[in-house]
Structure formats: C-alpha cells, structure tokens
N, C-alpha and C. Protein backbone atom coordinates (compact mmCIF):
# COMPACT_ATOMS: atom_id res chain seq x y z
N MET A 1 -46.06 -51.03 -22.55
CA MET A 1 -46.24 -51.66 -21.16
C MET A 1 -47.60 -52.14 -20.95
N PRO A 2 -47.76 -53.44 -20.69
CA PRO A 2 -49.10 -54.28 -20.49
C PRO A 2 -49.84 -53.64 -19.11
N PHE A 3 -50.94 -53.41 -19.15
CA PHE A 3 -51.72 -53.07 -18.02
C PHE A 3 -53.29 -53.61 -18.13
N LYS A 4 -53.75 -53.68 -16.83
CA LYS A 4 -55.07 -54.19 -16.78
C LYS A 4 -55.92 -53.12 -15.81
N ILE A 5 -57.12 -52.65 -15.95
CA ILE A 5 -57.90 -51.95 -15.11
C ILE A 5 -59.40 -53.08 -14.96
N PHE A 6 -59.22 -53.21 -13.56
CA PHE A 6 -60.55 -53.96 -12.94
C PHE A 6 -61.61 -53.11 -12.54
N PHE A 7 -62.96 -53.26 -13.12
CA PHE A 7 -64.07 -52.54 -12.66
C PHE A 7 -65.34 -53.35 -12.63
N SER A 8 -66.41 -53.01 -12.14
CA SER A 8 -67.71 -53.54 -12.15
C SER A 8 -68.47 -53.18 -13.37
N PRO A 9 -68.52 -53.84 -14.26
CA PRO A 9 -69.22 -53.72 -15.57
C PRO A 9 -70.79 -53.23 -15.30
N THR A 10 -71.44 -53.44 -14.03
CA THR A 10 -72.55 -53.06 -13.69
C THR A 10 -72.76 -51.53 -13.29
N LEU A 11 -71.58 -51.06 -12.91
CA LEU A 11 -71.45 -49.50 -12.70
C LEU A 11 -71.46 -48.62 -13.71
N ILE A 12 -70.97 -49.02 -14.96
CA ILE A 12 -70.86 -48.31 -16.29
C ILE A 12 -72.31 -47.79 -16.80
N GLN A 13 -72.29 -46.76 -17.03
CA GLN A 13 -73.65 -45.99 -17.52
C GLN A 13 -73.39 -45.80 -18.94
N VAL A 14 -74.09 -46.38 -19.79
CA VAL A 14 -74.21 -46.33 -21.39
C VAL A 14 -74.24 -45.02 -21.97
N SER A 15 -74.94 -44.15 -21.18
CA SER A 15 -75.14 -42.80 -21.34
C SER A 15 -73.86 -41.81 -21.01
N HIS A 16 -73.12 -42.29 -20.29
CA HIS A 16 -71.98 -41.60 -19.84
C HIS A 16 -70.96 -41.68 -20.69
N ARG A 17 -69.77 -40.73 -20.65
CA ARG A 17 -68.47 -40.83 -21.25
C ARG A 17 -67.40 -40.95 -20.36
N TYR A 18 -66.57 -41.96 -20.65
CA TYR A 18 -65.50 -42.48 -19.81
C TYR A 18 -64.13 -42.37 -20.39
N LEU A 19 -62.97 -41.84 -19.71
CA LEU A 19 -61.83 -41.69 -20.19
C LEU A 19 -60.74 -42.14 -19.32
N ALA A 20 -59.75 -42.56 -20.11
CA ALA A 20 -58.35 -43.38 -19.23
C ALA A 20 -57.31 -42.30 -19.67
N ARG A 21 -56.49 -42.20 -18.73
CA ARG A 21 -55.22 -41.54 -18.56
C ARG A 21 -53.99 -42.16 -17.79
N THR A 22 -53.10 -41.93 -18.00
CA THR A 22 -51.89 -42.77 -17.21
C THR A 22 -50.87 -42.00 -16.98
N SER A 23 -50.10 -42.40 -15.97
CA SER A 23 -48.69 -42.06 -15.59
C SER A 23 -47.75 -42.94 -14.88
N ILE A 24 -46.58 -42.84 -15.30
CA ILE A 24 -45.42 -43.65 -14.77
C ILE A 24 -44.73 -43.11 -13.91
N SER A 25 -44.65 -43.56 -12.85
CA SER A 25 -43.73 -42.77 -11.51
C SER A 25 -42.62 -43.84 -11.27
N VAL A 26 -41.62 -43.40 -10.80
CA VAL A 26 -40.32 -43.84 -10.31
C VAL A 26 -39.90 -43.18 -9.13
N ASP A 27 -39.98 -44.05 -8.11
CA ASP A 27 -39.67 -43.75 -6.58
C ASP A 27 -40.64 -42.27 -6.30
N GLY A 28 -41.92 -42.18 -6.71
CA GLY A 28 -42.88 -41.21 -6.25
C GLY A 28 -42.65 -40.07 -7.31
N VAL A 29 -41.88 -39.96 -8.29
CA VAL A 29 -41.52 -39.05 -8.92
C VAL A 29 -42.21 -39.42 -10.54
N VAL A 30 -43.07 -38.66 -11.22
CA VAL A 30 -43.61 -38.84 -12.40
C VAL A 30 -42.65 -38.49 -13.52
N TRP A 31 -42.46 -39.70 -14.09
CA TRP A 31 -41.57 -39.62 -15.26
C TRP A 31 -42.16 -39.48 -16.84
N ALA A 32 -43.29 -40.00 -16.96
CA ALA A 32 -44.15 -39.96 -17.97
C ALA A 32 -45.58 -39.79 -17.67
N GLU A 33 -46.35 -39.13 -18.75
CA GLU A 33 -47.82 -39.04 -18.35
C GLU A 33 -48.53 -39.14 -19.57
N SER A 34 -49.72 -39.33 -19.55
CA SER A 34 -50.66 -39.14 -20.92
C SER A 34 -50.52 -37.69 -21.32
N ALA A 35 -50.57 -37.67 -22.68
CA ALA A 35 -50.64 -36.40 -23.42
C ALA A 35 -51.95 -35.96 -23.49
N GLU A 36 -52.90 -36.94 -23.59
CA GLU A 36 -54.19 -36.69 -23.56
C GLU A 36 -55.05 -37.68 -23.10
N ALA A 37 -56.31 -37.55 -22.66
CA ALA A 37 -57.26 -38.48 -22.15
C ALA A 37 -57.63 -39.39 -23.46
N VAL A 38 -57.95 -40.64 -23.29
CA VAL A 38 -58.55 -41.60 -24.48
C VAL A 38 -59.84 -41.97 -23.98
N ALA A 39 -60.78 -41.89 -24.64
CA ALA A 39 -62.05 -42.41 -24.38
C ALA A 39 -62.24 -43.96 -24.49
N VAL A 40 -62.89 -44.40 -23.68
CA VAL A 40 -62.90 -45.83 -23.39
C VAL A 40 -64.41 -46.38 -23.00
N LEU A 41 -65.05 -47.66 -23.29
CA LEU A 41 -66.07 -48.40 -22.84
C LEU A 41 -67.48 -48.07 -23.42
N THR A 42 -67.58 -46.68 -23.77
CA THR A 42 -68.96 -46.31 -24.21
C THR A 42 -69.01 -45.56 -25.30
N GLN A 43 -70.20 -45.25 -26.01
CA GLN A 43 -70.32 -44.59 -26.82
C GLN A 43 -69.35 -44.82 -28.46
N GLY A 44 -69.06 -46.30 -28.30
CA GLY A 44 -68.42 -46.75 -29.59
C GLY A 44 -66.92 -46.73 -29.03
N ALA A 45 -66.53 -46.35 -27.98
CA ALA A 45 -64.99 -46.40 -27.60
C ALA A 45 -64.77 -47.88 -27.28
N SER A 46 -63.45 -48.33 -27.49
CA SER A 46 -62.89 -49.65 -27.34
C SER A 46 -62.64 -49.91 -25.73
N SER A 47 -62.81 -51.13 -25.31
CA SER A 47 -62.70 -51.47 -24.08
C SER A 47 -61.43 -52.68 -23.73
N VAL A 48 -60.96 -52.94 -24.88
CA VAL A 48 -59.88 -53.98 -24.95
C VAL A 48 -58.71 -53.57 -26.01
N ALA A 49 -57.49 -53.89 -25.71
CA ALA A 49 -56.44 -53.35 -26.77
C ALA A 49 -56.19 -51.91 -26.75
N LEU A 50 -56.37 -51.37 -25.46
CA LEU A 50 -56.09 -49.70 -25.58
C LEU A 50 -54.73 -49.43 -25.74
N GLU A 51 -54.45 -48.38 -26.16
CA GLU A 51 -53.10 -47.67 -26.21
C GLU A 51 -53.19 -46.36 -25.54
N LEU A 52 -52.24 -46.06 -24.56
CA LEU A 52 -52.47 -44.91 -23.81
C LEU A 52 -51.17 -44.16 -24.14
N PRO A 53 -50.83 -43.54 -25.17
CA PRO A 53 -49.45 -42.93 -25.56
C PRO A 53 -49.05 -42.05 -24.37
N VAL A 54 -47.84 -42.14 -23.86
CA VAL A 54 -47.49 -41.16 -22.75
C VAL A 54 -46.09 -40.26 -23.21
N LYS A 55 -45.91 -39.13 -22.50
CA LYS A 55 -44.82 -38.19 -22.97
C LYS A 55 -44.01 -38.17 -21.73
N ARG A 56 -42.48 -37.93 -22.04
CA ARG A 56 -41.88 -38.02 -20.91
C ARG A 56 -41.59 -36.63 -20.21
N VAL A 57 -41.85 -36.50 -19.08
CA VAL A 57 -42.02 -35.16 -18.38
C VAL A 57 -40.85 -34.86 -17.63
N VAL A 58 -39.80 -36.00 -17.03
CA VAL A 58 -38.48 -35.73 -16.49
C VAL A 58 -37.43 -35.95 -17.55
N PRO A 59 -36.69 -34.88 -17.60
CA PRO A 59 -35.54 -34.91 -18.45
C PRO A 59 -34.76 -36.03 -18.25
N LEU A 60 -34.00 -36.67 -19.38
CA LEU A 60 -33.03 -37.63 -19.29
C LEU A 60 -31.73 -37.16 -18.47
N ARG A 61 -31.14 -38.09 -17.84
CA ARG A 61 -29.91 -37.78 -17.14
C ARG A 61 -28.62 -37.64 -18.00
C-alpha cells in the first residue's frame, strides 16, 4: 500500500536516529501493525522506497 510522509527536512538532525512504524485501522479498529520499527532518514538509513512490513492483529472473520 503506497504511502507518503511529509516533514520539514530542516528539522532532521543527522546525529539523531529516526524510526517509522505503521498501523492499518478500519472503523477505529487496528487490523494490522508494524512487527518492528524501521530505521529511516539518517545514519545510512533510506528515505525513499521504504517497506514497512505489517502483521495482522485482528483475526479473519
């Protein structure tokens, strides 16, 4: 599922570490979420074409 995150590059501090996590909600109920955080933006981490794997947290009906 494609996504975009908008931020001001001037706020990024190269000495800091940034992580991304995600969740997918339907009608306010979380159906899937990141299994773990993914490093982004600094310290050699990517800022484009990221993949944030998710795991299902709500059982199938």
